[in-house]
PDB file of N, CA and C in Angstrom:
ATOM      1  N   UNK A   1       0.815  -1.210   0.000  1.00  0.00           N
ATOM      2  CA  UNK A   1       0.000   0.000   0.000  1.00  0.00           C
ATOM      3  C   UNK A   1       0.856   1.271   0.000  1.00  0.00           C
ATOM      4  N   UNK A   2       2.042   1.199   0.573  1.00  0.00           N
ATOM      5  CA  UNK A   2       2.911   2.382   0.592  1.00  0.00           C
ATOM      6  C   UNK A   2       3.284   2.796  -0.822  1.00  0.00           C
ATOM      7  N   UNK A   3       3.434   1.836  -1.701  1.00  0.00           N
ATOM      8  CA  UNK A   3       3.788   2.139  -3.096  1.00  0.00           C
ATOM      9  C   UNK A   3       2.675   2.933  -3.772  1.00  0.00           C
ATOM     10  N   UNK A   4       1.437   2.544  -3.540  1.00  0.00           N
ATOM     11  CA  UNK A   4       0.302   3.257  -4.137  1.00  0.00           C
ATOM     12  C   UNK A   4       0.262   4.696  -3.628  1.00  0.00           C
ATOM     13  N   UNK A   5       0.527   4.874  -2.345  1.00  0.00           N
ATOM     14  CA  UNK A   5       0.564   6.222  -1.777  1.00  0.00           C
ATOM     15  C   UNK A   5       1.633   7.080  -2.420  1.00  0.00           C
ATOM     16  N   UNK A   6       2.814   6.499  -2.653  1.00  0.00           N
ATOM     17  CA  UNK A   6       3.901   7.237  -3.305  1.00  0.00           C
ATOM     18  C   UNK A   6       3.544   7.597  -4.743  1.00  0.00           C
ATOM     19  N   UNK A   7       2.915   6.681  -5.449  1.00  0.00           N
ATOM     20  CA  UNK A   7       2.497   6.949  -6.830  1.00  0.00           C
ATOM     21  C   UNK A   7       1.495   8.090  -6.873  1.00  0.00           C
ATOM     22  N   UNK A   8       0.526   8.070  -5.967  1.00  0.00           N
ATOM     23  CA  UNK A   8      -0.477   9.146  -5.911  1.00  0.00           C
ATOM     24  C   UNK A   8       0.193  10.463  -5.563  1.00  0.00           C
ATOM     25  N   UNK A   9       1.104  10.445  -4.601  1.00  0.00           N
ATOM     26  CA  UNK A   9       1.811  11.665  -4.197  1.00  0.00           C
ATOM     27  C   UNK A   9       2.584  12.259  -5.378  1.00  0.00           C
ATOM     28  N   UNK A  10       3.309  11.420  -6.117  1.00  0.00           N
ATOM     29  CA  UNK A  10       4.074  11.904  -7.266  1.00  0.00           C
ATOM     30  C   UNK A  10       3.153  12.432  -8.366  1.00  0.00           C
ATOM     31  N   UNK A  11       2.014  11.782  -8.569  1.00  0.00           N
ATOM     32  CA  UNK A  11       1.054  12.241  -9.581  1.00  0.00           C
ATOM     33  C   UNK A  11       0.514  13.614  -9.212  1.00  0.00           C
ATOM     34  N   UNK A  12       0.225  13.832  -7.945  1.00  0.00           N
ATOM     35  CA  UNK A  12      -0.276  15.136  -7.495  1.00  0.00           C
ATOM     36  C   UNK A  12       0.797  16.193  -7.675  1.00  0.00           C
ATOM     37  N   UNK A  13       2.040  15.873  -7.312  1.00  0.00           N
ATOM     38  CA  UNK A  13       3.141  16.824  -7.485  1.00  0.00           C
ATOM     39  C   UNK A  13       3.326  17.177  -8.960  1.00  0.00           C
ATOM     40  N   UNK A  14       3.267  16.193  -9.811  1.00  0.00           N
ATOM     41  CA  UNK A  14       3.422  16.417 -11.246  1.00  0.00           C
ATOM     42  C   UNK A  14       2.283  17.259 -11.802  1.00  0.00           C
ATOM     43  N   UNK A  15       1.061  16.996 -11.351  1.00  0.00           N
ATOM     44  CA  UNK A  15      -0.074  17.763 -11.858  1.00  0.00           C
ATOM     45  C   UNK A  15       0.047  19.228 -11.485  1.00  0.00           C
ATOM     46  N   UNK A  16       0.569  19.521 -10.298  1.00  0.00           N
ATOM     47  CA  UNK A  16       0.773  20.919  -9.911  1.00  0.00           C
ATOM     48  C   UNK A  16       1.832  21.575 -10.787  1.00  0.00           C
ATOM     49  N   UNK A  17       2.862  20.845 -11.136  1.00  0.00           N
ATOM     50  CA  UNK A  17       3.907  21.380 -12.003  1.00  0.00           C
ATOM     51  C   UNK A  17       3.345  21.712 -13.368  1.00  0.00           C
ATOM     52  N   UNK A  18       2.557  20.835 -13.916  1.00  0.00           N
ATOM     53  CA  UNK A  18       1.985  21.042 -15.246  1.00  0.00           C
ATOM     54  C   UNK A  18       0.998  22.201 -15.234  1.00  0.00           C
ATOM     55  N   UNK A  19       0.144  22.264 -14.249  1.00  0.00           N
ATOM     56  CA  UNK A  19      -0.880  23.294 -14.186  1.00  0.00           C
ATOM     57  C   UNK A  19      -0.283  24.656 -13.835  1.00  0.00           C
ATOM     58  N   UNK A  20       0.708  24.677 -12.936  1.00  0.00           N
ATOM     59  CA  UNK A  20       1.282  25.940 -12.477  1.00  0.00           C
ATOM     60  C   UNK A  20       2.028  26.684 -13.574  1.00  0.00           C
ATOM     61  N   UNK A  21       2.571  25.975 -14.551  1.00  0.00           N
ATOM     62  CA  UNK A  21       3.370  26.641 -15.569  1.00  0.00           C
ATOM     63  C   UNK A  21       3.020  26.084 -16.955  1.00  0.00           C
ATOM     64  N   UNK A  22       1.898  26.515 -17.510  1.00  0.00           N
ATOM     65  CA  UNK A  22       1.458  25.945 -18.775  1.00  0.00           C
ATOM     66  C   UNK A  22       2.238  26.448 -19.998  1.00  0.00           C
ATOM     67  N   UNK A  23       3.018  27.501 -19.849  1.00  0.00           N
ATOM     68  CA  UNK A  23       3.766  28.063 -20.975  1.00  0.00           C
ATOM     69  C   UNK A  23       5.041  27.244 -21.200  1.00  0.00           C
ATOM     70  N   UNK A  24       5.162  26.550 -22.332  1.00  0.00           N
ATOM     71  CA  UNK A  24       6.334  25.696 -22.551  1.00  0.00           C
ATOM     72  C   UNK A  24       7.648  26.475 -22.615  1.00  0.00           C
ATOM     73  N   UNK A  25       7.628  27.687 -23.115  1.00  0.00           N
ATOM     74  CA  UNK A  25       8.856  28.487 -23.184  1.00  0.00           C
ATOM     75  C   UNK A  25       9.333  28.820 -21.776  1.00  0.00           C
ATOM     76  N   UNK A  26       8.429  29.259 -20.921  1.00  0.00           N
ATOM     77  CA  UNK A  26       8.807  29.556 -19.541  1.00  0.00           C
ATOM     78  C   UNK A  26       9.275  28.297 -18.823  1.00  0.00           C
ATOM     79  N   UNK A  27       8.632  27.182 -19.097  1.00  0.00           N
ATOM     80  CA  UNK A  27       9.035  25.917 -18.481  1.00  0.00           C
ATOM     81  C   UNK A  27      10.454  25.554 -18.890  1.00  0.00           C
ATOM     82  N   UNK A  28      10.768  25.690 -20.176  1.00  0.00           N
ATOM     83  CA  UNK A  28      12.115  25.372 -20.645  1.00  0.00           C
ATOM     84  C   UNK A  28      13.144  26.341 -20.081  1.00  0.00           C
ATOM     85  N   UNK A  29      12.804  27.604 -19.974  1.00  0.00           N
ATOM     86  CA  UNK A  29      13.724  28.584 -19.394  1.00  0.00           C
ATOM     87  C   UNK A  29      14.019  28.251 -17.936  1.00  0.00           C
ATOM     88  N   UNK A  30      12.993  27.822 -17.202  1.00  0.00           N
ATOM     89  CA  UNK A  30      13.191  27.449 -15.803  1.00  0.00           C
ATOM     90  C   UNK A  30      14.087  26.232 -15.691  1.00  0.00           C
ATOM     91  N   UNK A  31      13.856  25.218 -16.510  1.00  0.00           N
ATOM     92  CA  UNK A  31      14.693  24.019 -16.484  1.00  0.00           C
ATOM     93  C   UNK A  31      16.136  24.382 -16.840  1.00  0.00           C
ATOM     94  N   UNK A  32      16.319  25.195 -17.869  1.00  0.00           N
ATOM     95  CA  UNK A  32      17.649  25.635 -18.280  1.00  0.00           C
ATOM     96  C   UNK A  32      18.355  26.353 -17.125  1.00  0.00           C
ATOM     97  N   UNK A  33      17.653  27.281 -16.487  1.00  0.00           N
ATOM     98  CA  UNK A  33      18.218  28.019 -15.354  1.00  0.00           C
ATOM     99  C   UNK A  33      18.586  27.057 -14.221  1.00  0.00           C
ATOM    100  N   UNK A  34      17.713  26.127 -13.909  1.00  0.00           N
ATOM    101  CA  UNK A  34      17.983  25.163 -12.833  1.00  0.00           C
ATOM    102  C   UNK A  34      19.196  24.289 -13.164  1.00  0.00           C
ATOM    103  N   UNK A  35      19.310  23.856 -14.418  1.00  0.00           N
ATOM    104  CA  UNK A  35      20.459  23.045 -14.814  1.00  0.00           C
ATOM    105  C   UNK A  35      21.770  23.825 -14.675  1.00  0.00           C
ATOM    106  N   UNK A  36      21.774  25.058 -15.145  1.00  0.00           N
ATOM    107  CA  UNK A  36      22.984  25.879 -15.010  1.00  0.00           C
ATOM    108  C   UNK A  36      23.306  26.135 -13.545  1.00  0.00           C
ATOM    109  N   UNK A  37      22.287  26.423 -12.764  1.00  0.00           N
ATOM    110  CA  UNK A  37      22.483  26.694 -11.350  1.00  0.00           C
ATOM    111  C   UNK A  37      23.061  25.469 -10.633  1.00  0.00           C
ATOM    112  N   UNK A  38      22.536  24.290 -10.952  1.00  0.00           N
ATOM    113  CA  UNK A  38      23.031  23.067 -10.318  1.00  0.00           C
ATOM    114  C   UNK A  38      24.450  22.725 -10.766  1.00  0.00           C
ATOM    115  N   UNK A  39      24.830  23.114 -11.965  1.00  0.00           N
ATOM    116  CA  UNK A  39      26.141  22.751 -12.511  1.00  0.00           C
ATOM    117  C   UNK A  39      27.188  23.852 -12.373  1.00  0.00           C
ATOM    118  N   UNK A  40      26.843  24.977 -11.824  1.00  0.00           N
ATOM    119  CA  UNK A  40      27.764  26.117 -11.801  1.00  0.00           C
ATOM    120  C   UNK A  40      29.051  25.857 -11.022  1.00  0.00           C
ATOM    121  N   UNK A  41      29.028  24.930 -10.066  1.00  0.00           N
ATOM    122  CA  UNK A  41      30.218  24.648  -9.271  1.00  0.00           C
ATOM    123  C   UNK A  41      30.955  23.381  -9.720  1.00  0.00           C
ATOM    124  N   UNK A  42      30.528  22.792 -10.825  1.00  0.00           N
ATOM    125  CA  UNK A  42      31.250  21.650 -11.387  1.00  0.00           C
ATOM    126  C   UNK A  42      32.440  22.170 -12.183  1.00  0.00           C
ATOM    127  N   UNK A  43      33.358  21.275 -12.524  1.00  0.00           N
ATOM    128  CA  UNK A  43      34.513  21.689 -13.330  1.00  0.00           C
ATOM    129  C   UNK A  43      34.051  22.271 -14.669  1.00  0.00           C
ATOM    130  N   UNK A  44      33.044  21.637 -15.282  1.00  0.00           N
ATOM    131  CA  UNK A  44      32.513  22.117 -16.558  1.00  0.00           C
ATOM    132  C   UNK A  44      31.872  23.495 -16.387  1.00  0.00           C
ATOM    133  N   UNK A  45      31.084  23.652 -15.345  1.00  0.00           N
ATOM    134  CA  UNK A  45      30.416  24.925 -15.080  1.00  0.00           C
ATOM    135  C   UNK A  45      31.390  26.046 -14.777  1.00  0.00           C
ATOM    136  N   UNK A  46      32.459  25.718 -14.084  1.00  0.00           N
ATOM    137  CA  UNK A  46      33.482  26.735 -13.783  1.00  0.00           C
ATOM    138  C   UNK A  46      34.260  27.107 -15.046  1.00  0.00           C
ATOM    139  N   UNK A  47      34.584  26.104 -15.856  1.00  0.00           N
ATOM    140  CA  UNK A  47      35.340  26.390 -17.088  1.00  0.00           C
ATOM    141  C   UNK A  47      34.571  27.343 -18.003  1.00  0.00           C
ATOM    142  N   UNK A  48      33.265  27.140 -18.103  1.00  0.00           N
ATOM    143  CA  UNK A  48      32.455  27.958 -19.005  1.00  0.00           C
ATOM    144  C   UNK A  48      31.671  29.047 -18.277  1.00  0.00           C
ATOM    145  N   UNK A  49      32.031  29.312 -17.034  1.00  0.00           N
ATOM    146  CA  UNK A  49      31.483  30.444 -16.263  1.00  0.00           C
ATOM    147  C   UNK A  49      29.959  30.456 -16.213  1.00  0.00           C
ATOM    148  N   UNK A  50      29.368  29.366 -15.753  1.00  0.00           N
ATOM    149  CA  UNK A  50      27.916  29.303 -15.644  1.00  0.00           C
ATOM    150  C   UNK A  50      27.376  30.395 -14.727  1.00  0.00           C
ATOM    151  N   UNK A  51      28.137  30.781 -13.703  1.00  0.00           N
ATOM    152  CA  UNK A  51      27.683  31.870 -12.818  1.00  0.00           C
ATOM    153  C   UNK A  51      27.486  33.159 -13.611  1.00  0.00           C
ATOM    154  N   UNK A  52      28.439  33.460 -14.477  1.00  0.00           N
ATOM    155  CA  UNK A  52      28.330  34.672 -15.298  1.00  0.00           C
ATOM    156  C   UNK A  52      27.174  34.551 -16.290  1.00  0.00           C
ATOM    157  N   UNK A  53      27.012  33.370 -16.857  1.00  0.00           N
ATOM    158  CA  UNK A  53      25.919  33.153 -17.810  1.00  0.00           C
ATOM    159  C   UNK A  53      24.577  33.389 -17.123  1.00  0.00           C
ATOM    160  N   UNK A  54      24.433  32.906 -15.891  1.00  0.00           N
ATOM    161  CA  UNK A  54      23.177  33.092 -15.151  1.00  0.00           C
ATOM    162  C   UNK A  54      22.876  34.562 -14.882  1.00  0.00           C
ATOM    163  N   UNK A  55      23.918  35.382 -14.799  1.00  0.00           N
ATOM    164  CA  UNK A  55      23.738  36.810 -14.507  1.00  0.00           C
ATOM    165  C   UNK A  55      23.409  37.633 -15.754  1.00  0.00           C
ATOM    166  N   UNK A  56      23.544  37.042 -16.920  1.00  0.00           N
ATOM    167  CA  UNK A  56      23.280  37.756 -18.175  1.00  0.00           C
ATOM    168  C   UNK A  56      21.776  37.986 -18.372  1.00  0.00           C
ATOM    169  N   UNK A  57      21.417  39.062 -19.108  1.00  0.00           N
ATOM    170  CA  UNK A  57      19.997  39.301 -19.398  1.00  0.00           C
ATOM    171  C   UNK A  57      19.367  38.177 -20.229  1.00  0.00           C
ATOM    172  N   UNK A  58      20.157  37.566 -21.137  1.00  0.00           N
ATOM    173  CA  UNK A  58      19.675  36.446 -21.942  1.00  0.00           C
ATOM    174  C   UNK A  58      20.636  35.271 -21.757  1.00  0.00           C
ATOM    175  N   UNK A  59      20.431  34.463 -20.712  1.00  0.00           N
ATOM    176  CA  UNK A  59      21.358  33.358 -20.447  1.00  0.00           C
ATOM    177  C   UNK A  59      21.458  32.362 -21.599  1.00  0.00           C
ATOM    178  N   UNK A  60      20.376  32.132 -22.327  1.00  0.00           N
ATOM    179  CA  UNK A  60      20.420  31.192 -23.441  1.00  0.00           C
ATOM    180  C   UNK A  60      21.379  31.637 -24.524  1.00  0.00           C
ATOM    181  N   UNK A  61      21.325  32.896 -24.868  1.00  0.00           N
ATOM    182  CA  UNK A  61      22.218  33.447 -25.892  1.00  0.00           C
ATOM    183  C   UNK A  61      23.665  33.416 -25.403  1.00  0.00           C
ATOM    184  N   UNK A  62      23.870  33.788 -24.152  1.00  0.00           N
ATOM    185  CA  UNK A  62      25.211  33.786 -23.582  1.00  0.00           C
ATOM    186  C   UNK A  62      25.788  32.366 -23.554  1.00  0.00           C
ATOM    187  N   UNK A  63      24.964  31.391 -23.174  1.00  0.00           N
ATOM    188  CA  UNK A  63      25.391  29.995 -23.159  1.00  0.00           C
ATOM    189  C   UNK A  63      25.801  29.553 -24.564  1.00  0.00           C
ATOM    190  N   UNK A  64      24.988  29.887 -25.540  1.00  0.00           N
ATOM    191  CA  UNK A  64      25.271  29.494 -26.924  1.00  0.00           C
ATOM    192  C   UNK A  64      26.588  30.086 -27.421  1.00  0.00           C
ATOM    193  N   UNK A  65      26.917  31.290 -26.980  1.00  0.00           N
ATOM    194  CA  UNK A  65      28.150  31.942 -27.411  1.00  0.00           C
ATOM    195  C   UNK A  65      29.376  31.381 -26.693  1.00  0.00           C
ATOM    196  N   UNK A  66      29.229  31.019 -25.423  1.00  0.00           N
ATOM    197  CA  UNK A  66      30.382  30.629 -24.604  1.00  0.00           C
ATOM    198  C   UNK A  66      30.701  29.138 -24.601  1.00  0.00           C
ATOM    199  N   UNK A  67      29.681  28.308 -24.698  1.00  0.00           N
ATOM    200  CA  UNK A  67      29.888  26.864 -24.548  1.00  0.00           C
ATOM    201  C   UNK A  67      29.884  26.218 -25.932  1.00  0.00           C
ATOM    202  N   UNK A  68      30.987  25.574 -26.295  1.00  0.00           N
ATOM    203  CA  UNK A  68      31.042  24.950 -27.616  1.00  0.00           C
ATOM    204  C   UNK A  68      30.121  23.736 -27.692  1.00  0.00           C
ATOM    205  N   UNK A  69      29.821  23.353 -28.901  1.00  0.00           N
ATOM    206  CA  UNK A  69      29.012  22.164 -29.149  1.00  0.00           C
ATOM    207  C   UNK A  69      29.846  20.927 -28.824  1.00  0.00           C
ATOM    208  N   UNK A  70      29.249  19.978 -28.100  1.00  0.00           N
ATOM    209  CA  UNK A  70      29.904  18.715 -27.777  1.00  0.00           C
ATOM    210  C   UNK A  70      29.035  17.577 -28.288  1.00  0.00           C
ATOM    211  N   UNK A  71      29.617  16.699 -29.099  1.00  0.00           N
ATOM    212  CA  UNK A  71      28.907  15.457 -29.380  1.00  0.00           C
ATOM    213  C   UNK A  71      29.303  14.478 -28.274  1.00  0.00           C
ATOM    214  N   UNK A  72      28.685  13.316 -28.273  1.00  0.00           N
ATOM    215  CA  UNK A  72      28.907  12.364 -27.190  1.00  0.00           C
ATOM    216  C   UNK A  72      30.386  12.008 -27.043  1.00  0.00           C
ATOM    217  N   UNK A  73      31.051  11.692 -28.145  1.00  0.00           N
ATOM    218  CA  UNK A  73      32.450  11.277 -28.080  1.00  0.00           C
ATOM    219  C   UNK A  73      33.355  12.388 -27.560  1.00  0.00           C
ATOM    220  N   UNK A  74      33.113  13.593 -28.006  1.00  0.00           N
ATOM    221  CA  UNK A  74      33.951  14.709 -27.570  1.00  0.00           C
ATOM    222  C   UNK A  74      33.780  14.968 -26.075  1.00  0.00           C
ATOM    223  N   UNK A  75      32.553  15.006 -25.588  1.00  0.00           N
ATOM    224  CA  UNK A  75      32.366  15.270 -24.159  1.00  0.00           C
ATOM    225  C   UNK A  75      32.875  14.098 -23.327  1.00  0.00           C
ATOM    226  N   UNK A  76      32.714  12.878 -23.838  1.00  0.00           N
ATOM    227  CA  UNK A  76      33.217  11.700 -23.124  1.00  0.00           C
ATOM    228  C   UNK A  76      34.738  11.770 -23.000  1.00  0.00           C
ATOM    229  N   UNK A  77      35.399  12.063 -24.099  1.00  0.00           N
ATOM    230  CA  UNK A  77      36.871  12.098 -24.094  1.00  0.00           C
ATOM    231  C   UNK A  77      37.429  13.255 -23.286  1.00  0.00           C
ATOM    232  N   UNK A  78      36.764  14.398 -23.297  1.00  0.00           N
ATOM    233  CA  UNK A  78      37.310  15.578 -22.622  1.00  0.00           C
ATOM    234  C   UNK A  78      36.865  15.726 -21.162  1.00  0.00           C
ATOM    235  N   UNK A  79      35.692  15.181 -20.812  1.00  0.00           N
ATOM    236  CA  UNK A  79      35.149  15.455 -19.483  1.00  0.00           C
ATOM    237  C   UNK A  79      34.863  14.244 -18.621  1.00  0.00           C
ATOM    238  N   UNK A  80      34.733  13.052 -19.227  1.00  0.00           N
ATOM    239  CA  UNK A  80      34.375  11.900 -18.384  1.00  0.00           C
ATOM    240  C   UNK A  80      35.548  11.029 -18.208  1.00  0.00           C
TER     241      UNK A  80
END
């Protein structure tokens, strides 16, 4: 029965997330901001100055200018 309670709890939490922010652009901006914020103190985040990117008026544009494109092999070889 505890499993059913957890499933219901997660469903309620998810429904609030969906209803609270119906705009997909705002939702993506929030996720992007949260990802940068969580990674700002990692080696990758420090190298590409995620703290500075977060302070910019348009963090998405700043990120695109500062962080190079990585395919799987390149990021694996350089960072993992």
